[in-house]
Protein backbone atom coordinates (compact mmCIF):
# COMPACT_ATOMS: atom_id res chain seq x y z
CA MET A 1 135.11 118.71 57.90
CA GLU A 2 132.67 121.55 58.51
CA LEU A 3 130.16 121.00 61.31
CA THR A 4 126.81 122.57 61.18
CA PHE A 5 125.01 123.28 64.47
CA ILE A 6 121.25 123.49 64.44
CA SER A 7 119.77 125.48 67.26
CA SER A 8 116.46 124.30 68.82
CA THR A 9 113.97 125.84 71.06
CA PRO A 10 113.17 124.16 74.40
CA ASP A 11 109.74 123.13 72.96
CA GLU A 12 111.51 121.26 70.18
CA GLU A 13 113.84 119.27 72.46
CA PRO A 14 113.03 115.61 72.39
CA LEU A 15 111.25 114.16 75.40
CA ASP A 16 110.97 110.44 76.13
CA ALA A 17 107.61 108.92 76.76
CA TYR A 18 108.13 108.74 80.54
CA SER A 19 108.84 112.48 80.69
CA ARG A 20 105.77 113.31 78.49
CA ALA A 21 103.57 111.26 80.82
CA VAL A 22 104.78 112.91 83.92
CA ILE A 23 104.54 116.44 82.42
CA ALA A 24 101.01 115.73 81.32
CA VAL A 25 100.03 114.55 84.76
CA ALA A 26 101.68 117.51 86.50
CA GLU A 27 99.99 120.05 84.22
CA ARG A 28 96.60 118.42 84.64
CA LEU A 29 96.68 117.79 88.35
CA SER A 30 98.76 120.64 89.91
CA PRO A 31 95.87 123.19 89.82
CA SER A 32 93.82 120.67 91.91
CA VAL A 33 96.35 120.23 94.74
CA ALA A 34 96.29 122.84 97.54
CA ASN A 35 98.90 123.83 100.06
CA VAL A 36 97.03 123.58 103.44
CA ARG A 37 98.23 125.72 106.26
CA ILE A 38 96.99 125.56 109.86
CA ARG A 39 98.23 126.98 113.08
CA ARG A 40 100.52 124.16 114.04
CA GLY A 41 101.68 122.99 110.62
CA GLY A 42 100.39 122.07 107.24
CA GLY A 43 100.11 119.59 104.41
CA SER A 44 98.28 119.10 101.18
CA ALA A 45 94.73 118.62 99.92
CA VAL A 46 93.03 117.58 96.65
CA VAL A 47 90.14 119.50 95.15
CA ILE A 48 87.26 117.10 94.38
CA THR A 49 84.45 119.48 93.41
CA PRO A 50 84.39 122.95 91.72
CA ASP A 51 82.62 124.51 94.72
CA GLY A 52 85.39 123.88 97.12
CA PHE A 53 85.26 120.37 98.59
CA MET A 54 88.79 119.03 99.18
CA LEU A 55 90.12 115.72 100.34
CA THR A 56 93.10 115.35 102.69
CA SER A 57 94.49 113.17 105.48
CA ALA A 58 92.74 113.31 108.81
CA HIS A 59 96.00 113.68 110.69
CA VAL A 60 96.88 116.86 108.74
CA VAL A 61 93.79 118.76 110.19
CA ALA A 62 93.55 116.92 113.55
CA ARG A 63 92.56 119.20 116.36
CA THR A 64 91.72 122.13 114.02
CA LYS A 65 88.56 123.44 112.48
CA ALA A 66 89.83 125.93 109.83
CA GLY A 67 92.82 127.14 107.99
CA ARG A 68 94.08 128.58 104.69
CA ALA A 69 94.66 126.83 101.34
CA SER A 70 96.79 128.24 98.50
CA PHE A 71 96.84 127.14 94.88
CA VAL A 72 99.33 127.27 92.00
CA ASP A 73 97.26 130.04 90.31
CA GLY A 74 98.01 132.33 93.34
CA ARG A 75 94.63 132.12 94.98
CA GLU A 76 94.51 131.90 98.84
CA LEU A 77 91.26 130.75 100.29
CA GLU A 78 89.93 130.15 103.81
CA PHE A 79 88.67 126.61 104.50
CA GLU A 80 86.76 124.76 107.20
CA VAL A 81 86.91 121.15 108.18
CA VAL A 82 83.65 119.48 107.11
CA GLY A 83 84.33 115.99 108.49
CA SER A 84 87.16 113.82 109.61
CA ASP A 85 87.53 110.04 109.93
CA PRO A 86 90.77 109.21 111.76
CA LEU A 87 90.17 105.50 111.34
CA SER A 88 90.63 105.79 107.63
CA ASP A 89 92.97 108.82 107.88
CA LEU A 90 90.69 110.79 105.52
CA ALA A 91 89.11 114.24 105.99
CA VAL A 92 87.00 116.52 103.81
CA LEU A 93 87.50 120.28 103.79
CA ARG A 94 85.45 123.08 102.16
CA ALA A 95 87.31 126.01 100.69
CA ASP A 96 85.55 129.39 100.50
CA GLY A 97 85.78 129.62 96.71
CA ARG A 98 84.14 128.76 93.40
CA GLU A 99 85.32 127.52 90.02
CA LEU A 100 88.10 125.45 91.50
CA VAL A 101 89.65 122.70 89.36
CA PRO A 102 88.56 119.28 90.56
CA ALA A 103 90.76 116.28 90.20
CA GLU A 104 89.38 113.10 88.62
CA LEU A 105 89.22 110.25 91.07
CA GLY A 106 90.35 106.88 89.79
CA ASP A 107 90.14 103.30 91.18
CA ALA A 108 93.04 101.80 93.03
CA GLU A 109 91.64 98.37 92.58
CA GLN A 110 92.89 98.54 88.96
CA LEU A 111 96.56 99.24 89.99
CA ARG A 112 99.36 96.82 89.29
CA VAL A 113 102.77 96.54 90.96
CA GLY A 114 105.37 98.38 88.87
CA GLN A 115 102.85 100.90 87.52
CA LEU A 116 103.96 104.52 87.09
CA VAL A 117 102.59 106.90 89.79
CA VAL A 118 103.07 110.61 90.29
CA ALA A 119 102.86 112.29 93.73
CA ILE A 120 101.96 116.00 93.94
CA GLY A 121 102.01 117.89 97.23
CA ASN A 122 103.79 120.45 99.28
CA PRO A 123 106.74 118.85 101.10
CA HIS A 124 108.23 121.26 103.68
CA GLY A 125 105.87 123.95 102.28
CA PHE A 126 107.29 123.86 98.70
CA THR A 127 104.04 124.34 96.77
CA GLY A 128 103.21 122.03 93.88
CA SER A 129 106.19 119.68 94.12
CA VAL A 130 106.06 116.77 91.75
CA THR A 131 107.79 113.41 92.30
CA THR A 132 107.40 110.13 90.47
CA GLY A 133 107.96 106.45 91.14
CA VAL A 134 106.20 103.13 90.86
CA VAL A 135 103.69 101.10 92.81
CA SER A 136 106.13 99.06 94.94
CA ALA A 137 103.46 96.89 96.58
CA LEU A 138 99.71 96.57 97.07
CA GLY A 139 97.63 95.19 99.89
CA ARG A 140 99.63 96.77 102.68
CA SER A 141 97.95 97.53 106.00
CA LEU A 142 98.10 100.77 107.87
CA PRO A 143 97.13 100.77 111.60
CA THR A 144 95.14 103.84 112.62
CA ARG A 145 93.78 104.99 115.94
CA SER A 146 90.93 107.17 117.24
CA GLY A 147 90.91 107.30 121.04
CA ALA A 148 90.67 103.74 122.27
CA ASN A 149 89.56 102.47 118.85
CA VAL A 150 92.19 100.87 116.62
CA ARG A 151 91.50 99.86 113.01
CA VAL A 152 93.55 98.75 110.12
CA VAL A 153 93.22 100.51 106.72
CA ASP A 154 93.41 97.72 104.11
CA ASN A 155 94.87 97.67 100.60
CA VAL A 156 97.19 100.61 101.35
CA ILE A 157 99.39 101.56 98.30
CA GLN A 158 103.18 101.42 98.82
CA THR A 159 105.24 103.57 96.49
CA ASP A 160 108.85 104.65 96.06
CA ALA A 161 107.86 108.10 94.93
CA ALA A 162 109.79 110.50 97.20
CA LEU A 163 107.44 111.74 99.98
CA ASN A 164 108.29 114.12 102.75
CA PRO A 165 106.46 115.93 105.55
CA GLY A 166 103.89 118.18 103.86
CA ASN A 167 103.03 115.57 101.17
CA SER A 168 100.42 114.09 103.45
CA GLY A 169 96.93 114.84 102.08
CA GLY A 170 98.32 115.26 98.56
CA ALA A 171 97.54 113.32 95.43
CA LEU A 172 99.00 110.02 94.25
CA ALA A 173 97.97 109.75 90.63
CA ASP A 174 98.30 107.17 87.81
CA GLY A 175 99.83 107.92 84.43
CA ARG A 176 96.57 109.46 83.20
CA GLY A 177 96.33 111.96 86.05
CA ARG A 178 93.57 110.15 87.93
CA VAL A 179 93.95 110.30 91.69
CA ILE A 180 94.17 106.77 93.00
CA GLY A 181 95.46 107.51 96.49
CA ILE A 182 95.85 110.15 99.12
CA ASN A 183 99.40 110.24 100.47
CA THR A 184 99.40 109.57 104.15
CA ALA A 185 102.73 108.41 105.57
CA VAL A 186 106.52 108.42 105.04
CA ALA A 187 107.59 105.01 106.26
CA GLY A 188 111.24 105.41 105.29
CA VAL A 189 113.53 106.41 102.47
CA GLY A 190 111.89 105.21 99.21
CA LEU A 191 108.90 103.93 101.06
CA GLY A 192 105.65 105.99 101.09
CA LEU A 193 102.10 104.85 101.80
CA ALA A 194 98.82 106.14 100.41
CA VAL A 195 95.16 105.48 101.31
CA PRO A 196 93.57 104.03 98.22
CA ILE A 197 90.67 105.58 96.36
CA ASN A 198 88.27 102.61 95.87
CA ALA A 199 84.63 101.77 96.58
CA ALA A 200 85.17 101.65 100.37
CA THR A 201 86.90 105.06 100.63
CA ARG A 202 84.41 106.69 98.17
CA ARG A 203 81.64 105.75 100.69
CA ILE A 204 83.60 107.38 103.52
CA VAL A 205 84.24 110.55 101.52
CA ALA A 206 80.54 110.79 100.54
CA SER A 207 79.50 110.37 104.18
CA LEU A 208 81.94 113.05 105.37
CA MET A 209 80.68 115.47 102.71
CA THR A 210 77.04 114.95 103.65
CA GLU A 211 76.99 114.08 107.32
CA GLY A 212 80.44 115.25 108.55
CA ARG A 213 81.23 111.76 109.93
CA PHE A 214 81.36 108.15 108.90
CA ARG A 215 79.34 105.68 111.03
CA ARG A 216 80.72 102.21 111.75
CA ALA A 217 79.14 99.28 113.50
CA TYR A 218 80.73 97.87 116.61
CA LEU A 219 80.86 94.25 117.80
CA GLY A 220 82.91 94.60 120.93
CA ILE A 221 85.66 92.03 120.32
CA ALA A 222 89.35 91.91 119.73
CA GLY A 223 90.43 89.18 117.30
CA GLY A 224 92.84 87.91 114.75
CA PRO A 225 93.06 85.44 111.88
CA ARG A 226 93.29 81.71 112.69
CA PRO A 227 93.56 78.71 110.29
CA LEU A 228 90.57 76.40 110.24
CA PRO A 229 90.97 72.71 111.01
CA PRO A 230 91.33 70.82 107.74
CA ARG A 231 87.96 69.08 108.02
CA LEU A 232 86.15 72.46 108.50
CA ALA A 233 88.26 74.18 105.83
CA ARG A 234 87.08 71.57 103.30
CA LYS A 235 83.49 71.82 104.42
CA LEU A 236 83.34 75.68 104.39
CA GLY A 237 85.59 76.12 101.32
CA ARG A 238 87.99 78.52 102.94
CA ALA A 239 91.20 78.23 105.02
CA SER A 240 90.75 80.68 107.93
CA GLY A 241 88.37 82.65 110.14
CA VAL A 242 88.66 85.26 112.88
CA GLU A 243 89.41 84.00 116.39
CA VAL A 244 87.86 86.01 119.24
CA VAL A 245 90.71 86.92 121.51
CA GLU A 246 88.86 89.22 123.86
CA VAL A 247 85.17 90.12 124.44
CA VAL A 248 84.37 93.60 125.68
CA GLU A 249 82.17 93.44 128.81
CA ASP A 250 78.52 94.36 128.08
CA GLY A 251 79.26 94.82 124.38
CA PRO A 252 77.15 93.48 121.47
CA ALA A 253 79.21 90.29 121.26
CA ALA A 254 79.15 89.66 124.96
CA ARG A 255 75.33 90.11 125.04
CA ALA A 256 75.06 87.67 122.14
CA GLY A 257 77.15 85.06 124.02
CA LEU A 258 80.38 85.12 122.02
CA ARG A 259 83.34 83.89 124.00
CA ALA A 260 87.14 84.11 123.77
CA GLU A 261 88.44 81.36 121.46
CA ASP A 262 85.25 81.27 119.38
CA LEU A 263 86.13 81.25 115.68
CA ILE A 264 83.91 83.50 113.54
CA VAL A 265 83.50 82.10 110.09
CA GLU A 266 80.40 84.00 108.89
CA LEU A 267 78.63 87.18 109.64
CA ASP A 268 75.32 88.37 108.10
CA GLY A 269 75.75 85.69 105.41
CA THR A 270 79.20 86.81 104.40
CA PRO A 271 82.17 84.36 104.79
CA ILE A 272 84.79 85.74 107.23
CA GLU A 273 88.41 84.79 106.55
CA GLY A 274 90.26 87.56 108.35
CA MET A 275 90.03 90.92 110.16
CA ASP A 276 89.93 92.71 106.73
CA THR A 277 86.79 90.90 105.67
CA LEU A 278 85.26 91.36 109.07
CA GLN A 279 85.88 95.11 108.95
CA ARG A 280 84.26 95.35 105.47
CA VAL A 281 81.18 93.59 106.73
CA VAL A 282 80.68 95.60 109.90
CA VAL A 283 79.27 98.72 108.29
CA SER A 284 76.75 101.37 109.35
CA GLU A 285 73.83 99.42 107.85
CA LEU A 286 74.22 96.72 110.61
CA ILE A 287 73.80 99.18 113.41
CA GLY A 288 70.76 98.12 115.49
CA ARG A 289 69.99 95.18 113.29
CA ASN A 290 69.69 91.55 114.33
CA VAL A 291 72.70 89.89 112.64
CA ARG A 292 73.45 86.16 112.50
CA ALA A 293 77.00 85.04 113.28
CA LYS A 294 78.25 81.51 112.55
CA VAL A 295 81.04 80.47 114.94
CA ILE A 296 83.08 77.41 115.62
CA ARG A 297 83.21 76.49 119.26
CA GLU A 298 85.04 73.42 120.57
CA GLY A 299 84.92 71.94 117.04
CA SER A 300 81.18 72.47 116.54
CA GLU A 301 79.30 75.02 114.50
CA ARG A 302 76.92 77.37 116.31
CA GLU A 303 74.74 80.26 115.27
CA LEU A 304 74.40 83.34 117.49
CA GLU A 305 72.34 86.44 117.00
CA LEU A 306 73.81 89.81 117.86
CA VAL A 307 72.87 93.44 117.48
CA PRO A 308 75.83 95.66 116.45
CA ALA A 309 76.02 99.07 118.16
CA GLU A 310 77.47 102.27 116.74
CA LEU A 311 81.17 102.73 117.20
CA ASP A 312 81.81 105.73 119.33
CA GLY A 313 84.56 107.74 117.68
């Protein structure tokens, strides 16, 4: 039997659908991901406007004001830190360049567990590295700290895409090349975390771009979730609230008369079921405003009026 061998060029070699999707994302997004270098280390950043605004992790540029960013097209540009918000682990940089290639920002609220994701960054300084995986879990929490202030970033994305030091600040993208997260932490082998791109983080990014900071309201309490008694749960239509564990002396809550063991079930007309909902309600618009809080104290409902202050970052 005579065998006939047909030669093929690399472009003609068959690619499965998965490979095609990853290649398309890499080709689309790699020009938008910068290798960020500062005096004591580096990381990654994602271009979000053609005139040089870039998004990265706050911890990548902590304690620095400027650095250099390099791109896959060979350009090296100086950048400055425009604004940083350690409590969300997001920061905005401004590169000294024009006609950069901005990434398209997506919406992490549309993600599903098992969905393909592609991570692009600069692990250990290797520019433009591409790794793939799936969304392993949604709704994770990431504790962050700024001085004495501690906050939990909600709805963090967990992925098994391989992340290493240097990936922080880089892009986590869906199968269409839209950035749905900023890689922030390597929690273990096969376990990476990314801050989601959603309505809440878009507000933070916009504020960092225009004001250089993100303002948060401050109540002056430490608290945690607590189940409601069955009678109150039926009456209020929810299962839990936030128990006040500690009240900061002379803070807004203390001045309003909140006490330890009070159970907050509503703030400014919004039902409160846990610390995540409380954090979403306590926004800059409440600073200096009279706000009504509904609490359960010794089994009875009470209404208190407090005036949130601005959180000192």
